[in-house]
C-alpha atoms as a PDB file:
ATOM      1  CA  MET A   1      -5.556   2.508  49.389  1.00  0.00           C
ATOM      2  CA  GLU A   2      -4.146   1.372  46.046  1.00  0.00           C
ATOM      3  CA  PRO A   3      -4.038   3.788  43.100  1.00  0.00           C
ATOM      4  CA  ASP A   4      -6.300   3.165  40.141  1.00  0.00           C
ATOM      5  CA  GLY A   5      -4.453   1.050  37.602  1.00  0.00           C
ATOM      6  CA  VAL A   6      -4.846   0.657  33.915  1.00  0.00           C
ATOM      7  CA  VAL A   7      -6.325  -2.667  32.923  1.00  0.00           C
ATOM      8  CA  GLY A   8      -4.198  -4.359  30.285  1.00  0.00           C
ATOM      9  CA  ALA A   9      -5.788  -5.075  26.953  1.00  0.00           C
ATOM     10  CA  GLU A  10      -6.174  -8.646  25.830  1.00  0.00           C
ATOM     11  CA  LEU A  11      -3.954  -9.374  22.860  1.00  0.00           C
ATOM     12  CA  ASP A  12      -5.226 -11.393  19.949  1.00  0.00           C
ATOM     13  CA  THR A  13      -2.225 -13.327  18.697  1.00  0.00           C
ATOM     14  CA  ASP A  14      -4.095 -14.213  15.490  1.00  0.00           C
ATOM     15  CA  ALA A  15      -4.457 -10.555  14.456  1.00  0.00           C
ATOM     16  CA  GLU A  16      -2.722  -9.358  11.316  1.00  0.00           C
ATOM     17  CA  VAL A  17      -2.346  -5.589  11.129  1.00  0.00           C
ATOM     18  CA  MET A  18      -1.214  -3.789   7.985  1.00  0.00           C
ATOM     19  CA  GLY A  19      -0.699  -0.179   6.966  1.00  0.00           C
ATOM     20  CA  ALA A  20      -1.008   1.361   3.516  1.00  0.00           C
ATOM     21  CA  VAL A  21      -1.346   4.692   1.734  1.00  0.00           C
ATOM     22  CA  GLU A  22      -4.602   5.110  -0.186  1.00  0.00           C
ATOM     23  CA  ASP A  23      -4.340   7.249  -3.325  1.00  0.00           C
ATOM     24  CA  GLY A  24      -7.089   9.657  -4.268  1.00  0.00           C
ATOM     25  CA  GLN A  25      -7.920  13.335  -4.197  1.00  0.00           C
ATOM     26  CA  THR A  26      -6.523  13.291  -0.633  1.00  0.00           C
ATOM     27  CA  GLU A  27      -3.903  10.645   0.178  1.00  0.00           C
ATOM     28  CA  ARG A  28      -4.863   8.753   3.333  1.00  0.00           C
ATOM     29  CA  PHE A  29      -2.974   6.422   5.664  1.00  0.00           C
ATOM     30  CA  VAL A  30      -4.949   3.253   6.409  1.00  0.00           C
ATOM     31  CA  LEU A  31      -4.209   0.977   9.372  1.00  0.00           C
ATOM     32  CA  ALA A  32      -6.277  -2.214   9.369  1.00  0.00           C
ATOM     33  CA  ASP A  33      -6.642  -5.543  11.147  1.00  0.00           C
ATOM     34  CA  VAL A  34      -7.248  -7.759   8.121  1.00  0.00           C
ATOM     35  CA  THR A  35      -8.543 -10.620  10.282  1.00  0.00           C
ATOM     36  CA  ARG A  36     -11.646  -8.657  11.322  1.00  0.00           C
ATOM     37  CA  ASP A  37     -14.435  -6.946   9.403  1.00  0.00           C
ATOM     38  CA  ASP A  38     -14.580  -3.143   9.687  1.00  0.00           C
ATOM     39  CA  ALA A  39     -11.459  -2.930  11.913  1.00  0.00           C
ATOM     40  CA  TYR A  40      -9.560  -0.082  10.292  1.00  0.00           C
ATOM     41  CA  LEU A  41      -8.513   3.521  10.786  1.00  0.00           C
ATOM     42  CA  ARG A  42      -8.148   6.080   7.971  1.00  0.00           C
ATOM     43  CA  LEU A  43      -6.681   9.554   8.285  1.00  0.00           C
ATOM     44  CA  PRO A  44      -5.167  12.113   5.936  1.00  0.00           C
ATOM     45  CA  LEU A  45      -1.541  11.248   5.223  1.00  0.00           C
ATOM     46  CA  THR A  46      -0.485  14.722   6.362  1.00  0.00           C
ATOM     47  CA  GLU A  47      -1.814  13.895   9.865  1.00  0.00           C
ATOM     48  CA  ALA A  48      -0.122  10.492  10.146  1.00  0.00           C
ATOM     49  CA  ALA A  49       3.022  10.279  12.281  1.00  0.00           C
ATOM     50  CA  SER A  50       6.263   9.625  10.451  1.00  0.00           C
ATOM     51  CA  LEU A  51       8.339   6.569  11.323  1.00  0.00           C
ATOM     52  CA  PRO A  52      10.954   8.622  13.228  1.00  0.00           C
ATOM     53  CA  ALA A  53       8.141  10.181  15.299  1.00  0.00           C
ATOM     54  CA  TRP A  54       6.997   6.685  16.396  1.00  0.00           C
ATOM     55  CA  ARG A  55      10.452   5.780  17.710  1.00  0.00           C
END
């Protein structure tokens, strides 16, 4: 019997993903695929991982 594997995600080579910090009462980190409508993630900046944490 073979173990359950993880199915690889299909990659869209035309995607363009950008990150930004949104100013306001609470600063938020925004990660968005600008090639698609409503494809973004927003979270408080204090909860976003720092660059060294991603390495």
